[in-house]
């Protein structure tokens, strides 16, 4: 049977072993805690970096959206200018057609005047005055008929309506004072 001293020595040995294991556990726990603090610091820095990056991205996208809105406004203004140009070209085409019609009428009047001049030459070439008198009488009779029943005046050709000029409304973008957020600084370790 073991004596009391041996039992006490065994108990002390076990207590020493427990104390050593407890000390090792405390050291391991302190190491784990230190590593957790460092991991939390790194995670906090990553979180800060992600938050700043997301804020920069959202502000940058907003600035690009504002530029797109301005571009759309300019494109709309150019579209309206093109509509005005097309309207002016259609009006010019109508005016040119009207001028061509008037020139056609003028050509017919000139041909009639030429025929009358040829007639006068013919009458003059004939030395007979009776023909000249007959012509004058015929001309006077035509004038009297015209005075009694004048022909309808030719209708005036209408001018095309003016094309409305486009009005440009300048759009001022908002958010163009955007600057990227500063890069987050690494936080000092906690505890």
Protein backbone atom coordinates (compact mmCIF):
# COMPACT_ATOMS: atom_id res chain seq x y z
CA UNK A 1 0.00 0.00 0.00
CA UNK A 2 1.29 3.38 -0.88
CA UNK A 3 2.07 5.62 1.93
CA UNK A 4 0.68 9.02 2.46
CA UNK A 5 3.77 10.73 1.11
CA UNK A 6 3.54 8.85 -2.17
CA UNK A 7 -0.13 9.75 -2.52
CA UNK A 8 0.66 13.40 -1.76
CA UNK A 9 3.51 13.33 -4.29
CA UNK A 10 1.20 11.85 -6.91
CA UNK A 11 -1.42 14.48 -6.14
CA UNK A 12 1.21 17.25 -6.33
CA UNK A 13 2.48 15.84 -9.62
CA UNK A 14 -1.07 15.83 -10.95
CA UNK A 15 -1.62 19.37 -9.70
CA UNK A 16 1.64 20.49 -11.32
CA UNK A 17 0.52 18.82 -14.53
CA UNK A 18 -2.90 20.55 -14.27
CA UNK A 19 -1.18 23.88 -13.57
CA UNK A 20 1.08 23.39 -16.62
CA UNK A 21 -1.86 22.49 -18.82
CA UNK A 22 -3.86 25.44 -17.45
CA UNK A 23 -0.92 27.74 -18.17
CA UNK A 24 -0.62 26.31 -21.69
CA UNK A 25 -4.38 26.74 -22.18
CA UNK A 26 -4.13 30.35 -20.97
CA UNK A 27 -1.21 30.99 -23.35
CA UNK A 28 -3.10 29.40 -26.24
CA UNK A 29 -6.21 31.40 -25.36
CA UNK A 30 -4.13 34.62 -25.29
CA UNK A 31 -2.63 33.73 -28.69
CA UNK A 32 -6.07 33.00 -30.09
CA UNK A 33 -7.37 36.28 -28.67
CA UNK A 34 -4.46 38.19 -30.22
CA UNK A 35 -5.07 36.53 -33.57
CA UNK A 36 -8.82 37.32 -33.32
CA UNK A 37 -8.05 40.97 -32.57
CA UNK A 38 -5.74 41.11 -35.60
CA UNK A 39 -8.37 39.38 -37.77
CA UNK A 40 -11.03 41.82 -36.52
CA UNK A 41 -8.73 44.75 -37.35
CA UNK A 42 -8.14 43.38 -40.85
CA UNK A 43 -11.86 42.75 -41.33
CA UNK A 44 -12.67 46.27 -40.14
CA UNK A 45 -10.14 47.67 -42.64
CA UNK A 46 -11.62 45.51 -45.41
CA UNK A 47 -15.09 46.71 -44.41
CA UNK A 48 -13.94 50.35 -44.51
CA UNK A 49 -12.29 49.81 -47.90
CA UNK A 50 -15.42 48.16 -49.30
CA UNK A 51 -17.65 50.95 -47.96
CA UNK A 52 -15.40 53.63 -49.48
CA UNK A 53 -15.21 51.71 -52.75
CA UNK A 54 -18.98 51.33 -52.92
CA UNK A 55 -19.46 55.03 -52.14
CA UNK A 56 -16.94 55.95 -54.87
CA UNK A 57 -18.62 53.60 -57.33
CA UNK A 58 -22.10 54.92 -56.63
CA UNK A 59 -20.97 58.56 -56.87
CA UNK A 60 -19.07 57.83 -60.09
CA UNK A 61 -22.11 56.13 -61.60
CA UNK A 62 -24.25 59.10 -60.61
CA UNK A 63 -21.79 61.47 -62.32
CA UNK A 64 -21.85 59.30 -65.47
CA UNK A 65 -25.65 59.27 -65.40
CA UNK A 66 -25.69 63.07 -65.26
CA UNK A 67 -23.34 63.23 -68.26
CA UNK A 68 -25.67 60.85 -70.12
CA UNK A 69 -28.64 63.09 -69.32
CA UNK A 70 -26.75 66.07 -70.80
CA UNK A 71 -25.85 64.01 -73.89
CA UNK A 72 -29.50 63.01 -74.33
CA UNK A 73 -30.51 66.69 -74.11
CA UNK A 74 -27.97 67.64 -76.77
CA UNK A 75 -29.10 64.80 -79.02
CA UNK A 76 -32.70 65.93 -78.66
CA UNK A 77 -31.68 69.50 -79.56
CA UNK A 78 -29.85 68.21 -82.67
CA UNK A 79 -32.93 66.17 -83.60
CA UNK A 80 -35.06 69.32 -83.41
CA UNK A 81 -32.53 71.25 -85.48
CA UNK A 82 -32.67 68.49 -88.10
CA UNK A 83 -36.48 68.70 -88.09
CA UNK A 84 -36.19 72.46 -88.73
CA UNK A 85 -33.69 71.89 -91.55
CA UNK A 86 -36.02 69.35 -93.18
CA UNK A 87 -38.94 71.76 -92.84
CA UNK A 88 -36.89 74.53 -94.48
CA UNK A 89 -35.91 72.20 -97.33
CA UNK A 90 -39.57 71.28 -97.93
CA UNK A 91 -40.49 74.98 -97.93
CA UNK A 92 -37.68 75.75 -100.38
CA UNK A 93 -38.91 72.94 -102.62
CA UNK A 94 -42.42 74.43 -102.62
CA UNK A 95 -41.04 77.88 -103.40
CA UNK A 96 -38.94 76.54 -106.27
CA UNK A 97 -41.97 74.73 -107.70
CA UNK A 98 -44.01 77.96 -107.52
CA UNK A 99 -41.20 79.89 -109.22
CA UNK A 100 -41.04 77.26 -111.95
CA UNK A 101 -44.80 77.54 -112.53
CA UNK A 102 -44.55 81.34 -112.72
CA UNK A 103 -41.69 81.09 -115.16
CA UNK A 104 -43.81 78.72 -117.29
CA UNK A 105 -46.63 81.27 -117.33
CA UNK A 106 -44.16 84.03 -118.17
CA UNK A 107 -42.82 81.94 -121.04
CA UNK A 108 -46.35 81.55 -122.42
CA UNK A 109 -46.90 85.34 -122.11
CA UNK A 110 -43.59 85.97 -123.86
CA UNK A 111 -44.56 83.59 -126.67
CA UNK A 112 -47.87 85.41 -127.04
CA UNK A 113 -46.02 88.74 -127.14
CA UNK A 114 -43.72 87.34 -129.81
CA UNK A 115 -46.73 86.24 -131.84
CA UNK A 116 -48.22 89.73 -131.48
CA UNK A 117 -44.94 91.30 -132.64
CA UNK A 118 -44.85 88.96 -135.60
CA UNK A 119 -48.41 89.99 -136.33
CA UNK A 120 -47.45 93.65 -136.22
CA UNK A 121 -44.52 92.98 -138.52
CA UNK A 122 -46.83 91.18 -140.89
CA UNK A 123 -49.29 94.03 -140.89
CA UNK A 124 -46.49 96.54 -141.41
CA UNK A 125 -45.05 94.52 -144.27
CA UNK A 126 -48.32 94.76 -145.95
CA UNK A 127 -48.73 98.15 -147.14
CA UNK A 128 -52.45 97.90 -146.93
CA UNK A 129 -53.91 100.04 -144.23
CA UNK A 130 -57.17 98.16 -144.15
CA UNK A 131 -55.55 95.25 -142.41
CA UNK A 132 -54.03 97.51 -139.78
CA UNK A 133 -57.41 99.13 -139.18
CA UNK A 134 -59.07 95.72 -138.95
CA UNK A 135 -56.46 94.61 -136.43
CA UNK A 136 -56.93 97.76 -134.31
CA UNK A 137 -60.68 97.30 -134.35
CA UNK A 138 -60.29 93.70 -133.24
CA UNK A 139 -57.94 94.76 -130.45
CA UNK A 140 -60.35 97.45 -129.20
CA UNK A 141 -63.20 94.95 -129.23
CA UNK A 142 -61.12 92.52 -127.11
CA UNK A 143 -60.35 95.32 -124.62
CA UNK A 144 -64.03 96.18 -124.31
CA UNK A 145 -64.88 92.54 -123.64
CA UNK A 146 -62.15 92.39 -121.00
CA UNK A 147 -63.44 95.61 -119.38
CA UNK A 148 -66.93 94.18 -119.27
CA UNK A 149 -65.99 90.67 -118.18
CA UNK A 150 -62.48 90.69 -116.78
CA UNK A 151 -60.84 87.30 -116.39
CA UNK A 152 -60.28 85.98 -112.90
CA UNK A 153 -56.95 87.14 -111.54
CA UNK A 154 -54.50 84.30 -111.04
CA UNK A 155 -54.53 83.18 -107.41
CA UNK A 156 -51.62 84.24 -105.35
CA UNK A 157 -49.48 81.36 -104.32
CA UNK A 158 -49.25 80.97 -100.63
CA UNK A 159 -45.93 81.03 -98.89
CA UNK A 160 -45.09 78.06 -96.72
CA UNK A 161 -45.40 78.47 -93.00
CA UNK A 162 -42.28 79.36 -91.10
CA UNK A 163 -40.52 76.45 -89.50
CA UNK A 164 -40.36 76.77 -85.74
CA UNK A 165 -36.77 77.14 -84.62
CA UNK A 166 -35.78 74.66 -81.91
CA UNK A 167 -35.20 76.08 -78.47
CA UNK A 168 -32.26 74.60 -76.63
CA UNK A 169 -32.74 74.22 -72.91
CA UNK A 170 -29.36 73.88 -71.28
CA UNK A 171 -29.33 71.17 -68.64
CA UNK A 172 -26.87 71.55 -65.84
CA UNK A 173 -25.67 68.23 -64.45
CA UNK A 174 -25.74 67.69 -60.75
CA UNK A 175 -23.10 65.73 -58.94
CA UNK A 176 -20.24 66.91 -61.12
CA UNK A 177 -18.37 68.14 -58.07
CA UNK A 178 -17.78 64.51 -57.17
CA UNK A 179 -14.32 63.53 -55.98
CA UNK A 180 -13.31 60.01 -54.89
CA UNK A 181 -13.35 59.39 -51.18
CA UNK A 182 -9.91 59.05 -49.56
CA UNK A 183 -8.60 55.56 -49.05
CA UNK A 184 -9.40 54.44 -45.50
CA UNK A 185 -6.41 54.34 -43.15
CA UNK A 186 -5.63 51.11 -41.33
CA UNK A 187 -7.07 51.12 -37.85
CA UNK A 188 -4.78 50.52 -34.89
CA UNK A 189 -5.21 47.09 -33.31
CA UNK A 190 -7.86 46.82 -30.60
CA UNK A 191 -6.80 45.97 -27.02
